[in-house]
Structure formats: C-alpha cells, structure tokens
Amino acid sequence: MIALNLGTAEILDRMRVAYPTNRPSAKTIALVMSIVPYVFYPAMPFVDYLFDKHVEGIAADMQAQMSAAR
C-alpha cells in the first residue's frame, strides 16, 4: 500500500511537467500515510480519504488542461 501511494504521487509529479497545477504535491500525504498506521491506526481511513481526494483534484486539473490543449 505504501509503495502504491508513493508511486501514484511520483507519477503525478512527473506529469506536472507537461500539465502544471497549483495544487501541492501528493507525496507529503503519501508519506504521512506511511507513518499514521504506526502512530494512530484509527486515523488511517481519514488520511486515505484525504489522499484520494487530493489525487482526484490533481487529476481533474490535468485532465482539464489536456482537453484544452486539443
């Protein structure tokens, strides 16, 4: 799970070169997700939700730019 989230964040960061966005990198939340289960396990679903929404927002911004470039 940790590798999946960090990989997703890395792919989005690489795509930001072609399709820049004002949103911050998802790597920070992905790193927090790797620490939370060891510190306070019940918070994991909430952090996972935040990561998912953040990634969806970045993807939506990039998709809008891709559509505008056509």
PDB file of N, CA and C in Angstrom:
ATOM      1  N   MET A   1       0.828  -1.194   0.000  1.00  0.00           N
ATOM      2  CA  MET A   1       0.000   0.000   0.000  1.00  0.00           C
ATOM      3  C   MET A   1       0.867   1.250   0.000  1.00  0.00           C
ATOM      4  N   ILE A   2       1.936   1.248   0.770  1.00  0.00           N
ATOM      5  CA  ILE A   2       2.813   2.416   0.831  1.00  0.00           C
ATOM      6  C   ILE A   2       3.451   2.667  -0.522  1.00  0.00           C
ATOM      7  N   ALA A   3       3.942   1.614  -1.159  1.00  0.00           N
ATOM      8  CA  ALA A   3       4.581   1.765  -2.464  1.00  0.00           C
ATOM      9  C   ALA A   3       3.580   2.241  -3.511  1.00  0.00           C
ATOM     10  N   LEU A   4       2.353   1.782  -3.422  1.00  0.00           N
ATOM     11  CA  LEU A   4       1.322   2.189  -4.366  1.00  0.00           C
ATOM     12  C   LEU A   4       1.043   3.685  -4.257  1.00  0.00           C
ATOM     13  N   ASN A   5       0.884   4.185  -3.051  1.00  0.00           N
ATOM     14  CA  ASN A   5       0.599   5.611  -2.856  1.00  0.00           C
ATOM     15  C   ASN A   5       1.785   6.480  -3.255  1.00  0.00           C
ATOM     16  N   LEU A   6       2.984   6.067  -2.882  1.00  0.00           N
ATOM     17  CA  LEU A   6       4.164   6.840  -3.276  1.00  0.00           C
ATOM     18  C   LEU A   6       4.369   6.791  -4.786  1.00  0.00           C
ATOM     19  N   GLY A   7       4.081   5.669  -5.398  1.00  0.00           N
ATOM     20  CA  GLY A   7       4.190   5.561  -6.847  1.00  0.00           C
ATOM     21  C   GLY A   7       3.188   6.453  -7.558  1.00  0.00           C
ATOM     22  N   THR A   8       1.970   6.485  -7.051  1.00  0.00           N
ATOM     23  CA  THR A   8       0.949   7.360  -7.625  1.00  0.00           C
ATOM     24  C   THR A   8       1.372   8.820  -7.519  1.00  0.00           C
ATOM     25  N   ALA A   9       1.886   9.205  -6.363  1.00  0.00           N
ATOM     26  CA  ALA A   9       2.350  10.581  -6.171  1.00  0.00           C
ATOM     27  C   ALA A   9       3.514  10.905  -7.110  1.00  0.00           C
ATOM     28  N   GLU A  10       4.409   9.958  -7.301  1.00  0.00           N
ATOM     29  CA  GLU A  10       5.556  10.164  -8.198  1.00  0.00           C
ATOM     30  C   GLU A  10       5.095  10.341  -9.641  1.00  0.00           C
ATOM     31  N   ILE A  11       4.157   9.531 -10.082  1.00  0.00           N
ATOM     32  CA  ILE A  11       3.633   9.647 -11.447  1.00  0.00           C
ATOM     33  C   ILE A  11       2.976  11.007 -11.654  1.00  0.00           C
ATOM     34  N   LEU A  12       2.193  11.445 -10.672  1.00  0.00           N
ATOM     35  CA  LEU A  12       1.545  12.754 -10.791  1.00  0.00           C
ATOM     36  C   LEU A  12       2.573  13.877 -10.833  1.00  0.00           C
ATOM     37  N   ASP A  13       3.635  13.757 -10.051  1.00  0.00           N
ATOM     38  CA  ASP A  13       4.683  14.781 -10.076  1.00  0.00           C
ATOM     39  C   ASP A  13       5.368  14.830 -11.434  1.00  0.00           C
ATOM     40  N   ARG A  14       5.570  13.685 -12.052  1.00  0.00           N
ATOM     41  CA  ARG A  14       6.192  13.659 -13.381  1.00  0.00           C
ATOM     42  C   ARG A  14       5.260  14.250 -14.435  1.00  0.00           C
ATOM     43  N   MET A  15       3.962  14.023 -14.276  1.00  0.00           N
ATOM     44  CA  MET A  15       3.001  14.571 -15.225  1.00  0.00           C
ATOM     45  C   MET A  15       2.853  16.086 -15.077  1.00  0.00           C
ATOM     46  N   ARG A  16       3.215  16.618 -13.909  1.00  0.00           N
ATOM     47  CA  ARG A  16       3.111  18.060 -13.681  1.00  0.00           C
ATOM     48  C   ARG A  16       4.022  18.862 -14.593  1.00  0.00           C
ATOM     49  N   VAL A  17       5.031  18.227 -15.145  1.00  0.00           N
ATOM     50  CA  VAL A  17       5.932  18.921 -16.064  1.00  0.00           C
ATOM     51  C   VAL A  17       5.147  19.352 -17.306  1.00  0.00           C
ATOM     52  N   ALA A  18       4.339  18.458 -17.834  1.00  0.00           N
ATOM     53  CA  ALA A  18       3.564  18.762 -19.034  1.00  0.00           C
ATOM     54  C   ALA A  18       2.259  19.494 -18.714  1.00  0.00           C
ATOM     55  N   TYR A  19       1.668  19.188 -17.577  1.00  0.00           N
ATOM     56  CA  TYR A  19       0.385  19.770 -17.196  1.00  0.00           C
ATOM     57  C   TYR A  19       0.477  20.350 -15.783  1.00  0.00           C
ATOM     58  N   PRO A  20       1.040  21.543 -15.649  1.00  0.00           N
ATOM     59  CA  PRO A  20       1.225  22.115 -14.305  1.00  0.00           C
ATOM     60  C   PRO A  20      -0.109  22.411 -13.610  1.00  0.00           C
ATOM     61  N   THR A  21      -0.081  22.332 -12.309  1.00  0.00           N
ATOM     62  CA  THR A  21      -1.256  22.614 -11.490  1.00  0.00           C
ATOM     63  C   THR A  21      -0.817  23.393 -10.252  1.00  0.00           C
ATOM     64  N   ASN A  22      -1.743  24.114  -9.660  1.00  0.00           N
ATOM     65  CA  ASN A  22      -1.436  24.913  -8.471  1.00  0.00           C
ATOM     66  C   ASN A  22      -1.494  24.091  -7.186  1.00  0.00           C
ATOM     67  N   ARG A  23      -1.987  22.892  -7.276  1.00  0.00           N
ATOM     68  CA  ARG A  23      -2.107  22.046  -6.086  1.00  0.00           C
ATOM     69  C   ARG A  23      -0.729  21.538  -5.657  1.00  0.00           C
ATOM     70  N   PRO A  24      -0.526  21.388  -4.345  1.00  0.00           N
ATOM     71  CA  PRO A  24       0.760  20.860  -3.874  1.00  0.00           C
ATOM     72  C   PRO A  24       0.916  19.380  -4.217  1.00  0.00           C
ATOM     73  N   SER A  25       2.118  18.914  -4.110  1.00  0.00           N
ATOM     74  CA  SER A  25       2.435  17.519  -4.422  1.00  0.00           C
ATOM     75  C   SER A  25       1.702  16.569  -3.478  1.00  0.00           C
ATOM     76  N   ALA A  26       1.366  15.398  -3.984  1.00  0.00           N
ATOM     77  CA  ALA A  26       0.684  14.388  -3.177  1.00  0.00           C
ATOM     78  C   ALA A  26       1.670  13.554  -2.367  1.00  0.00           C
ATOM     79  N   LYS A  27       2.972  13.776  -2.568  1.00  0.00           N
ATOM     80  CA  LYS A  27       3.979  12.981  -1.848  1.00  0.00           C
ATOM     81  C   LYS A  27       3.903  13.174  -0.339  1.00  0.00           C
ATOM     82  N   THR A  28       3.600  14.382   0.095  1.00  0.00           N
ATOM     83  CA  THR A  28       3.537  14.650   1.532  1.00  0.00           C
ATOM     84  C   THR A  28       2.463  13.797   2.193  1.00  0.00           C
ATOM     85  N   ILE A  29       1.288  13.770   1.582  1.00  0.00           N
ATOM     86  CA  ILE A  29       0.197  12.971   2.154  1.00  0.00           C
ATOM     87  C   ILE A  29       0.541  11.483   2.074  1.00  0.00           C
ATOM     88  N   ALA A  30       1.193  11.069   0.996  1.00  0.00           N
ATOM     89  CA  ALA A  30       1.584   9.658   0.868  1.00  0.00           C
ATOM     90  C   ALA A  30       2.573   9.273   1.963  1.00  0.00           C
ATOM     91  N   LEU A  31       3.488  10.156   2.293  1.00  0.00           N
ATOM     92  CA  LEU A  31       4.435   9.867   3.371  1.00  0.00           C
ATOM     93  C   LEU A  31       3.738   9.821   4.729  1.00  0.00           C
ATOM     94  N   VAL A  32       2.783  10.719   4.933  1.00  0.00           N
ATOM     95  CA  VAL A  32       2.018  10.704   6.182  1.00  0.00           C
ATOM     96  C   VAL A  32       1.253   9.390   6.301  1.00  0.00           C
ATOM     97  N   MET A  33       0.747   8.912   5.166  1.00  0.00           N
ATOM     98  CA  MET A  33       0.017   7.644   5.184  1.00  0.00           C
ATOM     99  C   MET A  33       0.905   6.474   5.568  1.00  0.00           C
ATOM    100  N   SER A  34       2.188   6.591   5.337  1.00  0.00           N
ATOM    101  CA  SER A  34       3.093   5.503   5.714  1.00  0.00           C
ATOM    102  C   SER A  34       3.424   5.525   7.208  1.00  0.00           C
ATOM    103  N   ILE A  35       3.214   6.651   7.859  1.00  0.00           N
ATOM    104  CA  ILE A  35       3.537   6.799   9.286  1.00  0.00           C
ATOM    105  C   ILE A  35       2.310   6.597  10.175  1.00  0.00           C
ATOM    106  N   VAL A  36       1.151   7.042   9.727  1.00  0.00           N
ATOM    107  CA  VAL A  36      -0.066   7.037  10.548  1.00  0.00           C
ATOM    108  C   VAL A  36      -0.409   5.662  11.132  1.00  0.00           C
ATOM    109  N   PRO A  37      -0.321   4.565  10.392  1.00  0.00           N
ATOM    110  CA  PRO A  37      -0.702   3.283  10.991  1.00  0.00           C
ATOM    111  C   PRO A  37       0.136   2.904  12.209  1.00  0.00           C
ATOM    112  N   TYR A  38       1.354   3.381  12.255  1.00  0.00           N
ATOM    113  CA  TYR A  38       2.225   3.053  13.388  1.00  0.00           C
ATOM    114  C   TYR A  38       1.987   3.956  14.587  1.00  0.00           C
ATOM    115  N   VAL A  39       1.446   5.138  14.356  1.00  0.00           N
ATOM    116  CA  VAL A  39       1.231   6.100  15.430  1.00  0.00           C
ATOM    117  C   VAL A  39      -0.205   6.047  15.947  1.00  0.00           C
ATOM    118  N   PHE A  40      -1.164   6.160  15.032  1.00  0.00           N
ATOM    119  CA  PHE A  40      -2.572   6.206  15.431  1.00  0.00           C
ATOM    120  C   PHE A  40      -3.401   5.534  14.349  1.00  0.00           C
ATOM    121  N   TYR A  41      -3.542   4.234  14.441  1.00  0.00           N
ATOM    122  CA  TYR A  41      -4.184   3.435  13.397  1.00  0.00           C
ATOM    123  C   TYR A  41      -5.603   3.885  13.041  1.00  0.00           C
ATOM    124  N   PRO A  42      -6.457   4.276  14.008  1.00  0.00           N
ATOM    125  CA  PRO A  42      -7.829   4.664  13.637  1.00  0.00           C
ATOM    126  C   PRO A  42      -7.907   5.867  12.687  1.00  0.00           C
ATOM    127  N   ALA A  43      -6.860   6.649  12.585  1.00  0.00           N
ATOM    128  CA  ALA A  43      -6.882   7.814  11.696  1.00  0.00           C
ATOM    129  C   ALA A  43      -6.606   7.445  10.242  1.00  0.00           C
ATOM    130  N   MET A  44      -6.204   6.225   9.981  1.00  0.00           N
ATOM    131  CA  MET A  44      -5.808   5.813   8.637  1.00  0.00           C
ATOM    132  C   MET A  44      -6.902   6.013   7.584  1.00  0.00           C
ATOM    133  N   PRO A  45      -8.155   5.648   7.840  1.00  0.00           N
ATOM    134  CA  PRO A  45      -9.171   5.866   6.807  1.00  0.00           C
ATOM    135  C   PRO A  45      -9.344   7.340   6.435  1.00  0.00           C
ATOM    136  N   PHE A  46      -9.180   8.226   7.403  1.00  0.00           N
ATOM    137  CA  PHE A  46      -9.332   9.649   7.127  1.00  0.00           C
ATOM    138  C   PHE A  46      -8.181  10.186   6.287  1.00  0.00           C
ATOM    139  N   VAL A  47      -6.975   9.751   6.593  1.00  0.00           N
ATOM    140  CA  VAL A  47      -5.812  10.171   5.808  1.00  0.00           C
ATOM    141  C   VAL A  47      -5.894   9.582   4.405  1.00  0.00           C
ATOM    142  N   ASP A  48      -6.356   8.357   4.295  1.00  0.00           N
ATOM    143  CA  ASP A  48      -6.533   7.730   2.987  1.00  0.00           C
ATOM    144  C   ASP A  48      -7.555   8.506   2.155  1.00  0.00           C
ATOM    145  N   TYR A  49      -8.631   8.921   2.772  1.00  0.00           N
ATOM    146  CA  TYR A  49      -9.650   9.723   2.091  1.00  0.00           C
ATOM    147  C   TYR A  49      -9.062  11.048   1.597  1.00  0.00           C
ATOM    148  N   LEU A  50      -8.282  11.710   2.443  1.00  0.00           N
ATOM    149  CA  LEU A  50      -7.645  12.968   2.041  1.00  0.00           C
ATOM    150  C   LEU A  50      -6.706  12.763   0.857  1.00  0.00           C
ATOM    151  N   PHE A  51      -5.943  11.698   0.882  1.00  0.00           N
ATOM    152  CA  PHE A  51      -5.038  11.396  -0.228  1.00  0.00           C
ATOM    153  C   PHE A  51      -5.825  11.168  -1.513  1.00  0.00           C
ATOM    154  N   ASP A  52      -6.876  10.368  -1.430  1.00  0.00           N
ATOM    155  CA  ASP A  52      -7.687  10.072  -2.610  1.00  0.00           C
ATOM    156  C   ASP A  52      -8.297  11.344  -3.202  1.00  0.00           C
ATOM    157  N   LYS A  53      -8.851  12.200  -2.370  1.00  0.00           N
ATOM    158  CA  LYS A  53      -9.458  13.447  -2.854  1.00  0.00           C
ATOM    159  C   LYS A  53      -8.412  14.378  -3.446  1.00  0.00           C
ATOM    160  N   HIS A  54      -7.247  14.431  -2.847  1.00  0.00           N
ATOM    161  CA  HIS A  54      -6.175  15.286  -3.354  1.00  0.00           C
ATOM    162  C   HIS A  54      -5.710  14.801  -4.733  1.00  0.00           C
ATOM    163  N   VAL A  55      -5.532  13.502  -4.873  1.00  0.00           N
ATOM    164  CA  VAL A  55      -5.116  12.928  -6.153  1.00  0.00           C
ATOM    165  C   VAL A  55      -6.198  13.152  -7.209  1.00  0.00           C
ATOM    166  N   GLU A  56      -7.457  12.993  -6.838  1.00  0.00           N
ATOM    167  CA  GLU A  56      -8.547  13.239  -7.784  1.00  0.00           C
ATOM    168  C   GLU A  56      -8.556  14.690  -8.243  1.00  0.00           C
ATOM    169  N   GLY A  57      -8.282  15.621  -7.338  1.00  0.00           N
ATOM    170  CA  GLY A  57      -8.236  17.035  -7.697  1.00  0.00           C
ATOM    171  C   GLY A  57      -7.105  17.342  -8.671  1.00  0.00           C
ATOM    172  N   ILE A  58      -5.936  16.777  -8.399  1.00  0.00           N
ATOM    173  CA  ILE A  58      -4.802  16.978  -9.307  1.00  0.00           C
ATOM    174  C   ILE A  58      -5.118  16.384 -10.675  1.00  0.00           C
ATOM    175  N   ALA A  59      -5.684  15.197 -10.700  1.00  0.00           N
ATOM    176  CA  ALA A  59      -6.026  14.545 -11.967  1.00  0.00           C
ATOM    177  C   ALA A  59      -7.074  15.346 -12.732  1.00  0.00           C
ATOM    178  N   ALA A  60      -8.040  15.912 -12.041  1.00  0.00           N
ATOM    179  CA  ALA A  60      -9.065  16.721 -12.704  1.00  0.00           C
ATOM    180  C   ALA A  60      -8.454  17.978 -13.320  1.00  0.00           C
ATOM    181  N   ASP A  61      -7.537  18.622 -12.604  1.00  0.00           N
ATOM    182  CA  ASP A  61      -6.854  19.800 -13.148  1.00  0.00           C
ATOM    183  C   ASP A  61      -6.073  19.441 -14.403  1.00  0.00           C
ATOM    184  N   MET A  62      -5.361  18.330 -14.348  1.00  0.00           N
ATOM    185  CA  MET A  62      -4.568  17.907 -15.507  1.00  0.00           C
ATOM    186  C   MET A  62      -5.462  17.519 -16.679  1.00  0.00           C
ATOM    187  N   GLN A  63      -6.573  16.866 -16.386  1.00  0.00           N
ATOM    188  CA  GLN A  63      -7.484  16.458 -17.459  1.00  0.00           C
ATOM    189  C   GLN A  63      -8.076  17.681 -18.143  1.00  0.00           C
ATOM    190  N   ALA A  64      -8.394  18.721 -17.373  1.00  0.00           N
ATOM    191  CA  ALA A  64      -8.924  19.950 -17.967  1.00  0.00           C
ATOM    192  C   ALA A  64      -7.892  20.578 -18.905  1.00  0.00           C
ATOM    193  N   GLN A  65      -6.633  20.552 -18.510  1.00  0.00           N
ATOM    194  CA  GLN A  65      -5.567  21.090 -19.362  1.00  0.00           C
ATOM    195  C   GLN A  65      -5.388  20.247 -20.612  1.00  0.00           C
ATOM    196  N   MET A  66      -5.511  18.927 -20.475  1.00  0.00           N
ATOM    197  CA  MET A  66      -5.383  18.046 -21.636  1.00  0.00           C
ATOM    198  C   MET A  66      -6.503  18.309 -22.639  1.00  0.00           C
ATOM    199  N   SER A  67      -7.722  18.520 -22.131  1.00  0.00           N
ATOM    200  CA  SER A  67      -8.856  18.793 -23.012  1.00  0.00           C
ATOM    201  C   SER A  67      -8.715  20.138 -23.697  1.00  0.00           C
ATOM    202  N   ALA A  68      -8.172  21.115 -22.987  1.00  0.00           N
ATOM    203  CA  ALA A  68      -7.992  22.444 -23.561  1.00  0.00           C
ATOM    204  C   ALA A  68      -6.896  22.464 -24.612  1.00  0.00           C
ATOM    205  N   ALA A  69      -5.947  21.552 -24.521  1.00  0.00           N
ATOM    206  CA  ALA A  69      -4.822  21.520 -25.460  1.00  0.00           C
ATOM    207  C   ALA A  69      -5.219  20.935 -26.812  1.00  0.00           C
ATOM    208  N   ARG A  70      -6.335  20.280 -26.891  1.00  0.00           N
ATOM    209  CA  ARG A  70      -6.756  19.656 -28.162  1.00  0.00           C
ATOM    210  C   ARG A  70      -7.162  20.668 -29.146  1.00  0.00           C
TER     211      ARG A  70
END
